């Protein structure tokens, strides 16, 4: 993907990340992420899948042309990974145990309930990470997490 094409995608994802983060911090339903943005996130994830680990030890193979045509994740699955990425960024920002209370429950659900294979797990993790990083940067620019937001988020996250 050319750099000129990446910038609008990144801006869209960043904007949605902040909107979702603000919605979550206000304990509202997160705004729906448009399918077009989710498709771009899947494409970005597939372009970077070779950076992930697929069998616990080795890097994943680069995405095939067929994976770009029919991705290993549905739009709803990718959208969920984006929303959990936002939640993880918020938890980190507020000083909560984001790995244990956001990322691990998502991973457990994908493996045990949805029975994702290694490739699907890798793509979901990449999408989650891209979203988390984008939202984290925006939250950092806002300053520290306030007590009310932390309390609301703490009540929403699993206690496991």
C-alpha atoms as a PDB file:
ATOM      1  CA  UNK A   1       0.000   0.000   0.000  1.00  0.00           C
ATOM      2  CA  UNK A   2       1.400   3.396  -0.896  1.00  0.00           C
ATOM      3  CA  UNK A   3       2.114   5.939   1.838  1.00  0.00           C
ATOM      4  CA  UNK A   4      -0.429   8.347   0.345  1.00  0.00           C
ATOM      5  CA  UNK A   5      -3.126   5.714   0.818  1.00  0.00           C
ATOM      6  CA  UNK A   6      -2.031   4.756   4.358  1.00  0.00           C
ATOM      7  CA  UNK A   7      -2.408   8.254   5.814  1.00  0.00           C
ATOM      8  CA  UNK A   8      -6.193   8.555   5.320  1.00  0.00           C
ATOM      9  CA  UNK A   9      -6.644   5.039   6.690  1.00  0.00           C
ATOM     10  CA  UNK A  10      -4.536   5.824   9.728  1.00  0.00           C
ATOM     11  CA  UNK A  11      -6.420   9.066  10.325  1.00  0.00           C
ATOM     12  CA  UNK A  12      -9.767   7.244  10.050  1.00  0.00           C
ATOM     13  CA  UNK A  13      -8.672   4.551  12.466  1.00  0.00           C
ATOM     14  CA  UNK A  14      -7.240   7.111  14.885  1.00  0.00           C
ATOM     15  CA  UNK A  15     -10.403   9.181  14.778  1.00  0.00           C
ATOM     16  CA  UNK A  16     -12.584   6.157  15.402  1.00  0.00           C
ATOM     17  CA  UNK A  17     -10.240   5.050  18.150  1.00  0.00           C
ATOM     18  CA  UNK A  18     -10.665   8.292  20.031  1.00  0.00           C
ATOM     19  CA  UNK A  19     -14.429   8.313  19.454  1.00  0.00           C
ATOM     20  CA  UNK A  20     -14.679   4.766  20.781  1.00  0.00           C
ATOM     21  CA  UNK A  21     -12.402   5.589  23.705  1.00  0.00           C
ATOM     22  CA  UNK A  22     -14.420   8.623  24.676  1.00  0.00           C
ATOM     23  CA  UNK A  23     -17.648   6.665  24.338  1.00  0.00           C
ATOM     24  CA  UNK A  24     -16.289   3.879  26.505  1.00  0.00           C
ATOM     25  CA  UNK A  25     -15.009   6.301  29.113  1.00  0.00           C
ATOM     26  CA  UNK A  26     -18.455   7.900  29.246  1.00  0.00           C
ATOM     27  CA  UNK A  27     -19.970   4.392  29.626  1.00  0.00           C
ATOM     28  CA  UNK A  28     -21.953   4.713  26.415  1.00  0.00           C
ATOM     29  CA  UNK A  29     -22.339   2.199  23.627  1.00  0.00           C
ATOM     30  CA  UNK A  30     -19.297   2.475  21.362  1.00  0.00           C
ATOM     31  CA  UNK A  31     -19.978   4.067  18.033  1.00  0.00           C
ATOM     32  CA  UNK A  32     -20.329   1.558  15.248  1.00  0.00           C
ATOM     33  CA  UNK A  33     -17.145   1.254  13.259  1.00  0.00           C
ATOM     34  CA  UNK A  34     -18.073   1.476   9.575  1.00  0.00           C
ATOM     35  CA  UNK A  35     -17.466  -1.631   7.477  1.00  0.00           C
ATOM     36  CA  UNK A  36     -15.139   0.317   5.156  1.00  0.00           C
ATOM     37  CA  UNK A  37     -12.846   1.177   8.080  1.00  0.00           C
ATOM     38  CA  UNK A  38     -12.911  -2.410   9.346  1.00  0.00           C
ATOM     39  CA  UNK A  39     -12.022  -3.669   5.855  1.00  0.00           C
ATOM     40  CA  UNK A  40      -9.053  -1.280   5.765  1.00  0.00           C
ATOM     41  CA  UNK A  41      -7.956  -2.517   9.189  1.00  0.00           C
ATOM     42  CA  UNK A  42      -8.147  -6.134   7.994  1.00  0.00           C
ATOM     43  CA  UNK A  43      -6.099  -5.169   4.939  1.00  0.00           C
ATOM     44  CA  UNK A  44      -3.519  -3.427   7.126  1.00  0.00           C
ATOM     45  CA  UNK A  45      -3.405  -6.462   9.419  1.00  0.00           C
ATOM     46  CA  UNK A  46      -2.905  -8.831   6.488  1.00  0.00           C
ATOM     47  CA  UNK A  47      -0.136  -6.620   5.138  1.00  0.00           C
ATOM     48  CA  UNK A  48       1.651  -7.057   8.457  1.00  0.00           C
ATOM     49  CA  UNK A  49       0.730 -10.623   9.404  1.00  0.00           C
ATOM     50  CA  UNK A  50       4.280 -11.852   8.732  1.00  0.00           C
ATOM     51  CA  UNK A  51       5.309  -9.871  11.847  1.00  0.00           C
ATOM     52  CA  UNK A  52       3.160 -12.095  14.060  1.00  0.00           C
ATOM     53  CA  UNK A  53       3.893 -15.550  15.427  1.00  0.00           C
ATOM     54  CA  UNK A  54       1.694 -18.341  14.102  1.00  0.00           C
ATOM     55  CA  UNK A  55       2.944 -21.501  15.774  1.00  0.00           C
ATOM     56  CA  UNK A  56       4.408 -20.101  18.947  1.00  0.00           C
ATOM     57  CA  UNK A  57       7.933 -19.966  17.552  1.00  0.00           C
ATOM     58  CA  UNK A  58       7.996 -18.882  13.918  1.00  0.00           C
ATOM     59  CA  UNK A  59       6.740 -15.852  12.061  1.00  0.00           C
ATOM     60  CA  UNK A  60       3.525 -16.205  10.096  1.00  0.00           C
ATOM     61  CA  UNK A  61       3.784 -16.483   6.338  1.00  0.00           C
ATOM     62  CA  UNK A  62       2.902 -13.319   4.414  1.00  0.00           C
ATOM     63  CA  UNK A  63      -0.750 -13.038   3.421  1.00  0.00           C
ATOM     64  CA  UNK A  64      -1.736 -14.750   0.206  1.00  0.00           C
ATOM     65  CA  UNK A  65      -3.763 -13.026  -2.520  1.00  0.00           C
ATOM     66  CA  UNK A  66      -6.696 -15.274  -1.618  1.00  0.00           C
ATOM     67  CA  UNK A  67      -6.583 -14.043   2.004  1.00  0.00           C
ATOM     68  CA  UNK A  68      -6.952 -10.479   0.775  1.00  0.00           C
ATOM     69  CA  UNK A  69      -9.996 -11.589  -1.236  1.00  0.00           C
ATOM     70  CA  UNK A  70     -11.501 -13.728   1.549  1.00  0.00           C
ATOM     71  CA  UNK A  71      -9.895 -12.717   4.864  1.00  0.00           C
ATOM     72  CA  UNK A  72      -9.514 -15.200   7.721  1.00  0.00           C
ATOM     73  CA  UNK A  73     -11.721 -12.944   9.917  1.00  0.00           C
ATOM     74  CA  UNK A  74     -15.225 -11.667   9.332  1.00  0.00           C
ATOM     75  CA  UNK A  75     -15.967  -7.956   9.583  1.00  0.00           C
ATOM     76  CA  UNK A  76     -17.657  -8.505  12.947  1.00  0.00           C
ATOM     77  CA  UNK A  77     -14.671 -10.456  14.291  1.00  0.00           C
ATOM     78  CA  UNK A  78     -12.246  -7.740  13.185  1.00  0.00           C
ATOM     79  CA  UNK A  79     -14.538  -5.024  14.556  1.00  0.00           C
ATOM     80  CA  UNK A  80     -14.574  -6.831  17.913  1.00  0.00           C
ATOM     81  CA  UNK A  81     -10.766  -6.959  17.935  1.00  0.00           C
ATOM     82  CA  UNK A  82     -10.728  -3.201  17.308  1.00  0.00           C
ATOM     83  CA  UNK A  83     -13.161  -2.553  20.163  1.00  0.00           C
ATOM     84  CA  UNK A  84     -11.148  -4.728  22.539  1.00  0.00           C
ATOM     85  CA  UNK A  85      -8.009  -2.852  21.415  1.00  0.00           C
ATOM     86  CA  UNK A  86      -9.732   0.374  22.434  1.00  0.00           C
ATOM     87  CA  UNK A  87     -10.741  -1.133  25.771  1.00  0.00           C
ATOM     88  CA  UNK A  88      -7.175  -2.351  26.365  1.00  0.00           C
ATOM     89  CA  UNK A  89      -5.765   1.117  25.670  1.00  0.00           C
ATOM     90  CA  UNK A  90      -8.273   2.642  28.089  1.00  0.00           C
ATOM     91  CA  UNK A  91      -7.393   0.111  30.778  1.00  0.00           C
ATOM     92  CA  UNK A  92      -3.666   0.827  30.410  1.00  0.00           C
ATOM     93  CA  UNK A  93      -4.342   4.571  30.474  1.00  0.00           C
ATOM     94  CA  UNK A  94      -6.292   4.223  33.698  1.00  0.00           C
ATOM     95  CA  UNK A  95      -3.676   2.011  35.344  1.00  0.00           C
ATOM     96  CA  UNK A  96      -5.760  -1.160  35.284  1.00  0.00           C
ATOM     97  CA  UNK A  97      -4.426  -4.621  34.452  1.00  0.00           C
ATOM     98  CA  UNK A  98      -5.283  -4.453  30.749  1.00  0.00           C
ATOM     99  CA  UNK A  99      -3.613  -7.723  29.823  1.00  0.00           C
ATOM    100  CA  UNK A 100      -5.453  -9.785  32.410  1.00  0.00           C
ATOM    101  CA  UNK A 101      -8.785  -7.971  32.186  1.00  0.00           C
ATOM    102  CA  UNK A 102      -9.064  -7.183  28.462  1.00  0.00           C
ATOM    103  CA  UNK A 103      -6.578  -8.968  26.206  1.00  0.00           C
ATOM    104  CA  UNK A 104      -6.586 -12.394  27.876  1.00  0.00           C
ATOM    105  CA  UNK A 105     -10.388 -12.720  28.001  1.00  0.00           C
ATOM    106  CA  UNK A 106     -10.503 -11.884  24.280  1.00  0.00           C
ATOM    107  CA  UNK A 107      -7.789 -14.432  23.480  1.00  0.00           C
ATOM    108  CA  UNK A 108      -9.465 -17.101  25.570  1.00  0.00           C
ATOM    109  CA  UNK A 109     -12.812 -16.480  23.824  1.00  0.00           C
ATOM    110  CA  UNK A 110     -11.253 -16.619  20.357  1.00  0.00           C
ATOM    111  CA  UNK A 111      -9.405 -19.880  21.069  1.00  0.00           C
ATOM    112  CA  UNK A 112     -11.924 -21.780  23.174  1.00  0.00           C
ATOM    113  CA  UNK A 113     -15.323 -20.552  22.002  1.00  0.00           C
ATOM    114  CA  UNK A 114     -14.723 -19.516  18.390  1.00  0.00           C
ATOM    115  CA  UNK A 115     -11.892 -22.054  17.949  1.00  0.00           C
ATOM    116  CA  UNK A 116      -9.679 -19.702  15.962  1.00  0.00           C
ATOM    117  CA  UNK A 117      -6.643 -21.227  14.292  1.00  0.00           C
ATOM    118  CA  UNK A 118      -3.164 -19.712  14.668  1.00  0.00           C
ATOM    119  CA  UNK A 119      -3.545 -17.525  11.596  1.00  0.00           C
ATOM    120  CA  UNK A 120      -6.880 -16.099  12.746  1.00  0.00           C
ATOM    121  CA  UNK A 121      -5.413 -15.476  16.212  1.00  0.00           C
ATOM    122  CA  UNK A 122      -2.444 -13.679  14.666  1.00  0.00           C
ATOM    123  CA  UNK A 123      -4.634 -11.412  12.536  1.00  0.00           C
ATOM    124  CA  UNK A 124      -6.929 -10.605  15.466  1.00  0.00           C
ATOM    125  CA  UNK A 125      -3.870  -9.790  17.605  1.00  0.00           C
ATOM    126  CA  UNK A 126      -2.434  -7.488  14.949  1.00  0.00           C
ATOM    127  CA  UNK A 127      -5.734  -5.643  14.535  1.00  0.00           C
ATOM    128  CA  UNK A 128      -6.076  -5.371  18.318  1.00  0.00           C
ATOM    129  CA  UNK A 129      -2.530  -4.025  18.611  1.00  0.00           C
ATOM    130  CA  UNK A 130      -2.908  -1.438  15.860  1.00  0.00           C
ATOM    131  CA  UNK A 131      -6.102  -0.138  17.444  1.00  0.00           C
ATOM    132  CA  UNK A 132      -4.627  -0.199  20.942  1.00  0.00           C
ATOM    133  CA  UNK A 133      -1.580   1.795  19.835  1.00  0.00           C
ATOM    134  CA  UNK A 134      -3.661   4.380  17.991  1.00  0.00           C
ATOM    135  CA  UNK A 135      -5.990   4.938  20.932  1.00  0.00           C
ATOM    136  CA  UNK A 136      -3.152   4.943  23.477  1.00  0.00           C
ATOM    137  CA  UNK A 137      -1.435   7.804  21.663  1.00  0.00           C
ATOM    138  CA  UNK A 138      -4.625   9.837  21.683  1.00  0.00           C
ATOM    139  CA  UNK A 139      -5.285   9.139  25.344  1.00  0.00           C
ATOM    140  CA  UNK A 140      -1.727  10.060  26.283  1.00  0.00           C
ATOM    141  CA  UNK A 141      -2.235  13.449  24.636  1.00  0.00           C
ATOM    142  CA  UNK A 142      -5.328  13.996  26.818  1.00  0.00           C
ATOM    143  CA  UNK A 143      -3.379  13.657  30.049  1.00  0.00           C
ATOM    144  CA  UNK A 144      -4.019  11.287  32.943  1.00  0.00           C
ATOM    145  CA  UNK A 145      -7.129   9.184  33.360  1.00  0.00           C
ATOM    146  CA  UNK A 146      -9.579  10.769  35.788  1.00  0.00           C
ATOM    147  CA  UNK A 147     -10.989   8.886  38.770  1.00  0.00           C
ATOM    148  CA  UNK A 148     -14.539   8.733  37.394  1.00  0.00           C
ATOM    149  CA  UNK A 149     -13.412   7.191  34.113  1.00  0.00           C
ATOM    150  CA  UNK A 150     -11.195   4.716  35.949  1.00  0.00           C
ATOM    151  CA  UNK A 151     -14.048   3.695  38.237  1.00  0.00           C
ATOM    152  CA  UNK A 152     -16.511   3.199  35.341  1.00  0.00           C
ATOM    153  CA  UNK A 153     -13.982   1.217  33.328  1.00  0.00           C
ATOM    154  CA  UNK A 154     -13.012  -0.885  36.338  1.00  0.00           C
ATOM    155  CA  UNK A 155     -16.677  -1.808  36.793  1.00  0.00           C
ATOM    156  CA  UNK A 156     -17.013  -2.784  33.097  1.00  0.00           C
ATOM    157  CA  UNK A 157     -13.922  -4.990  32.813  1.00  0.00           C
ATOM    158  CA  UNK A 158     -13.948  -8.654  33.854  1.00  0.00           C
ATOM    159  CA  UNK A 159     -12.457  -9.219  37.321  1.00  0.00           C
ATOM    160  CA  UNK A 160     -10.693 -12.469  36.367  1.00  0.00           C
END
